[in-house]
Amino acid sequence: MHKVGVLALQGAFAAHAARLRELGAEPAEVRTPAQLAGVDALVLPGGESTTMSMLLESSGLFDPLAERLADGMPAFGTCAGMILLGTTILDGRADQRSFGVVDIDVRRNAFGRQVDSFEADLDVAGEREPFPAVFIRAPFVERAGPDVEVLASVDGHPVLCRQGSVLVAAFHPELGDDPRLHHLFLSANGGTP
C-alpha cells in the first residue's frame, strides 16, 4: 500500500489524516524534505495560501515538492492546496509561487470573505449522489486548460478538477462526513480501493 503524506505546515491537516486513516491508508505528516521522501502521494490541505507558500519555502520543502510533483507524484489539494497546485494564482502576492501541475488559473477568496462561507450539494461527475461541500473563503477556477477534467462546478465556476494524478477541490471535503473524494484520490492512485 502506498504511504500517503499530508502536508502539515498549516491548515486542516489532522482532519485529512483522520479521513485517510478511516479509509485504510497510512497517513504521515510531512513537515521536512526527509518526511516528503518517505511518501508516495501527498494531500495539500486548506489554510492560507500565502502563509503556506512562505512555510514551504522556510521549511525547505518547496523545491523538493516541486520536483516530486513534476515527476508525477499524486496529489490532492483542497482550498489553499488547490491554489498552490494550479498554474496561475490570479490575485496572490507578487512573489507567491505555485507548483503549476494543474493547468488552471485560480482566484483566491473568489466566493468572498469568511462571512460568505457556505455549503452546497455538488453534482460530481461519475457520482450518483450529490457531494456535500463546505466552502470557506474558497477559491474557484477562472480558466481550465484542455487537459483538465472539470468534475464539479458552482455557478459556472469549476470547483473540483483533475489532471492526471492530481485532484484539486476549492472546498473542504475533510470537514464533512462523506469520504468519497478521499476514496477517489486513493483508488485512482493505487491506494486503498
Protein backbone atom coordinates (compact mmCIF):
# COMPACT_ATOMS: atom_id res chain seq x y z
CA MET A 1 0.00 0.00 0.00
CA HIS A 2 1.18 3.49 -0.79
CA LYS A 3 2.15 5.77 2.04
CA VAL A 4 0.15 8.99 1.78
CA GLY A 5 1.59 12.16 3.22
CA VAL A 6 -0.38 15.12 4.50
CA LEU A 7 1.39 18.47 4.32
CA ALA A 8 1.32 19.50 7.98
CA LEU A 9 2.62 23.07 7.94
CA GLN A 10 -0.73 24.80 8.45
CA GLY A 11 -4.43 24.19 7.96
CA ALA A 12 -6.75 21.22 8.45
CA PHE A 13 -4.12 18.50 8.03
CA ALA A 14 -5.33 16.46 11.04
CA ALA A 15 -8.85 16.14 9.55
CA HIS A 16 -7.38 14.87 6.26
CA ALA A 17 -5.19 12.36 8.11
CA ALA A 18 -8.22 11.09 10.06
CA ARG A 19 -10.24 10.65 6.86
CA LEU A 20 -7.37 8.78 5.15
CA ARG A 21 -6.99 6.54 8.21
CA GLU A 22 -10.75 5.75 8.11
CA LEU A 23 -10.24 4.54 4.53
CA GLY A 24 -7.37 2.22 5.49
CA ALA A 25 -4.45 4.39 4.35
CA GLU A 26 -1.38 5.13 6.47
CA PRO A 27 -1.13 8.92 6.53
CA ALA A 28 2.16 10.53 7.51
CA GLU A 29 2.54 14.17 8.47
CA VAL A 30 5.04 15.93 6.20
CA ARG A 31 6.98 18.94 7.52
CA THR A 32 10.50 18.27 6.22
CA PRO A 33 12.13 17.15 2.97
CA ALA A 34 13.10 13.84 4.65
CA GLN A 35 9.45 13.15 5.55
CA LEU A 36 8.41 14.04 1.99
CA ALA A 37 10.90 11.49 0.63
CA GLY A 38 9.09 8.76 2.58
CA VAL A 39 5.65 9.19 0.96
CA ASP A 40 4.21 8.15 -2.39
CA ALA A 41 1.38 10.71 -2.59
CA LEU A 42 0.55 13.96 -0.81
CA VAL A 43 -2.54 15.82 0.40
CA LEU A 44 -2.15 19.61 0.50
CA PRO A 45 -4.83 20.88 2.89
CA GLY A 46 -6.70 24.13 3.11
CA GLY A 47 -5.29 27.03 5.09
CA GLU A 48 -3.97 30.38 3.95
CA SER A 49 -2.17 30.02 0.63
CA THR A 50 0.35 32.86 1.02
CA THR A 51 1.29 31.62 4.51
CA MET A 52 1.57 28.04 3.23
CA SER A 53 3.74 29.23 0.36
CA MET A 54 6.08 31.03 2.78
CA LEU A 55 6.19 28.00 5.12
CA LEU A 56 7.02 25.72 2.18
CA GLU A 57 9.96 27.99 1.40
CA SER A 58 11.22 28.37 5.00
CA SER A 59 10.95 24.61 5.70
CA GLY A 60 12.99 23.78 2.61
CA LEU A 61 10.05 21.80 1.19
CA PHE A 62 9.10 23.90 -1.83
CA ASP A 63 11.79 22.76 -4.26
CA PRO A 64 11.79 19.04 -3.29
CA LEU A 65 7.99 19.02 -3.50
CA ALA A 66 8.07 20.79 -6.87
CA GLU A 67 10.44 18.09 -8.16
CA ARG A 68 8.28 15.24 -6.85
CA LEU A 69 5.14 16.77 -8.36
CA ALA A 70 6.89 17.36 -11.70
CA ASP A 71 7.92 13.69 -11.64
CA GLY A 72 4.25 12.68 -11.32
CA MET A 73 3.69 12.20 -7.60
CA PRO A 74 -0.09 12.03 -7.00
CA ALA A 75 -1.51 14.95 -5.01
CA PHE A 76 -4.86 16.08 -3.65
CA GLY A 77 -5.13 19.81 -2.94
CA THR A 78 -8.07 21.35 -1.12
CA CYS A 79 -8.79 25.09 -0.97
CA ALA A 80 -5.30 26.60 -0.41
CA GLY A 81 -3.86 23.32 -1.71
CA MET A 82 -5.77 23.86 -4.95
CA ILE A 83 -4.31 27.35 -5.25
CA LEU A 84 -0.76 26.04 -4.73
CA LEU A 85 -1.13 23.23 -7.28
CA GLY A 86 -2.52 25.49 -10.02
CA THR A 87 -0.59 27.19 -12.80
CA THR A 88 -1.56 30.79 -12.06
CA ILE A 89 -2.69 32.50 -8.85
CA LEU A 90 -4.69 35.45 -10.13
CA ASP A 91 -4.69 37.60 -7.01
CA GLY A 92 -1.85 36.29 -4.86
CA ARG A 93 1.22 38.17 -3.72
CA ALA A 94 3.67 39.06 -6.49
CA ASP A 95 6.32 36.74 -5.01
CA GLN A 96 3.93 33.84 -4.32
CA ARG A 97 4.97 30.67 -6.12
CA SER A 98 2.76 27.77 -7.14
CA PHE A 99 3.61 24.29 -8.37
CA GLY A 100 1.83 24.54 -11.75
CA VAL A 101 0.90 20.85 -12.02
CA VAL A 102 -2.76 21.51 -12.85
CA ASP A 103 -3.37 23.82 -15.82
CA ILE A 104 -5.77 26.17 -14.06
CA ASP A 105 -5.93 29.85 -13.19
CA VAL A 106 -7.23 30.15 -9.62
CA ARG A 107 -8.74 33.22 -7.97
CA ARG A 108 -8.24 33.29 -4.19
CA ASN A 109 -11.25 34.02 -1.93
CA ALA A 110 -13.39 34.12 -5.08
CA PHE A 111 -16.62 33.37 -3.24
CA GLY A 112 -15.98 36.12 -0.68
CA ARG A 113 -14.69 36.52 2.84
CA GLN A 114 -15.14 34.25 5.87
CA VAL A 115 -18.68 35.56 6.44
CA ASP A 116 -19.57 34.43 2.92
CA SER A 117 -18.74 30.78 3.65
CA PHE A 118 -21.43 28.33 2.53
CA GLU A 119 -22.30 24.70 1.95
CA ALA A 120 -23.55 23.25 -1.33
CA ASP A 121 -24.52 19.86 -2.68
CA LEU A 122 -22.35 19.33 -5.75
CA ASP A 123 -23.11 17.20 -8.75
CA VAL A 124 -19.79 15.40 -9.21
CA ALA A 125 -19.01 13.65 -12.49
CA GLY A 126 -19.18 9.89 -12.02
CA GLU A 127 -21.09 10.08 -8.71
CA ARG A 128 -24.80 9.27 -8.41
CA GLU A 129 -25.39 11.16 -5.18
CA PRO A 130 -24.56 14.86 -4.64
CA PHE A 131 -21.43 15.60 -2.63
CA PRO A 132 -21.92 17.90 0.40
CA ALA A 133 -19.20 20.55 0.10
CA VAL A 134 -18.08 23.15 2.65
CA PHE A 135 -16.71 26.37 1.12
CA ILE A 136 -14.68 28.65 3.44
CA ARG A 137 -13.05 31.71 1.83
CA ALA A 138 -12.94 29.46 -1.19
CA PRO A 139 -11.17 29.94 -4.50
CA PHE A 140 -12.54 28.99 -7.87
CA VAL A 141 -11.07 28.25 -11.27
CA GLU A 142 -11.34 31.03 -13.83
CA ARG A 143 -9.61 29.06 -16.60
CA ALA A 144 -9.14 25.32 -17.00
CA GLY A 145 -6.74 24.06 -19.65
CA PRO A 146 -7.63 21.42 -22.26
CA ASP A 147 -6.14 18.55 -20.23
CA VAL A 148 -8.08 19.43 -17.06
CA GLU A 149 -11.17 17.40 -16.30
CA VAL A 150 -13.79 19.53 -14.54
CA LEU A 151 -15.66 17.24 -12.13
CA ALA A 152 -17.94 19.81 -10.44
CA SER A 153 -18.85 23.49 -10.71
CA VAL A 154 -20.72 26.14 -8.74
CA ASP A 155 -22.43 28.95 -10.68
CA GLY A 156 -20.42 28.01 -13.78
CA HIS A 157 -17.07 28.10 -11.96
CA PRO A 158 -15.09 24.84 -11.70
CA VAL A 159 -14.52 23.85 -8.06
CA LEU A 160 -13.37 20.22 -8.45
CA CYS A 161 -10.84 19.32 -11.14
CA ARG A 162 -8.44 16.56 -12.04
CA GLN A 163 -5.40 16.47 -14.28
CA GLY A 164 -3.51 13.19 -14.42
CA SER A 165 -2.82 12.04 -10.88
CA VAL A 166 -3.63 15.41 -9.28
CA LEU A 167 -7.06 16.17 -7.84
CA VAL A 168 -7.97 19.68 -6.63
CA ALA A 169 -11.03 20.96 -4.77
CA ALA A 170 -11.96 24.55 -3.91
CA PHE A 171 -13.78 23.30 -0.82
CA HIS A 172 -13.03 21.24 2.31
CA PRO A 173 -14.08 17.59 1.87
CA GLU A 174 -12.29 16.70 5.11
CA LEU A 175 -14.81 18.74 7.15
CA GLY A 176 -17.86 16.67 6.25
CA ASP A 177 -18.75 13.03 6.76
CA ASP A 178 -18.52 11.96 3.11
CA PRO A 179 -15.30 10.07 2.29
CA ARG A 180 -15.88 9.74 -1.46
CA LEU A 181 -13.33 12.30 -2.68
CA HIS A 182 -10.56 10.91 -0.48
CA HIS A 183 -11.56 7.46 -1.70
CA LEU A 184 -11.46 8.69 -5.31
CA PHE A 185 -7.95 10.05 -4.77
CA LEU A 186 -6.68 6.88 -3.11
CA SER A 187 -8.27 4.45 -5.56
CA ALA A 188 -7.13 6.40 -8.64
CA ASN A 189 -3.53 6.34 -7.41
CA GLY A 190 -3.05 2.77 -6.24
CA GLY A 191 -4.04 3.33 -2.63
CA THR A 192 -6.89 1.75 -0.72
CA PRO A 193 -9.72 0.74 -3.08
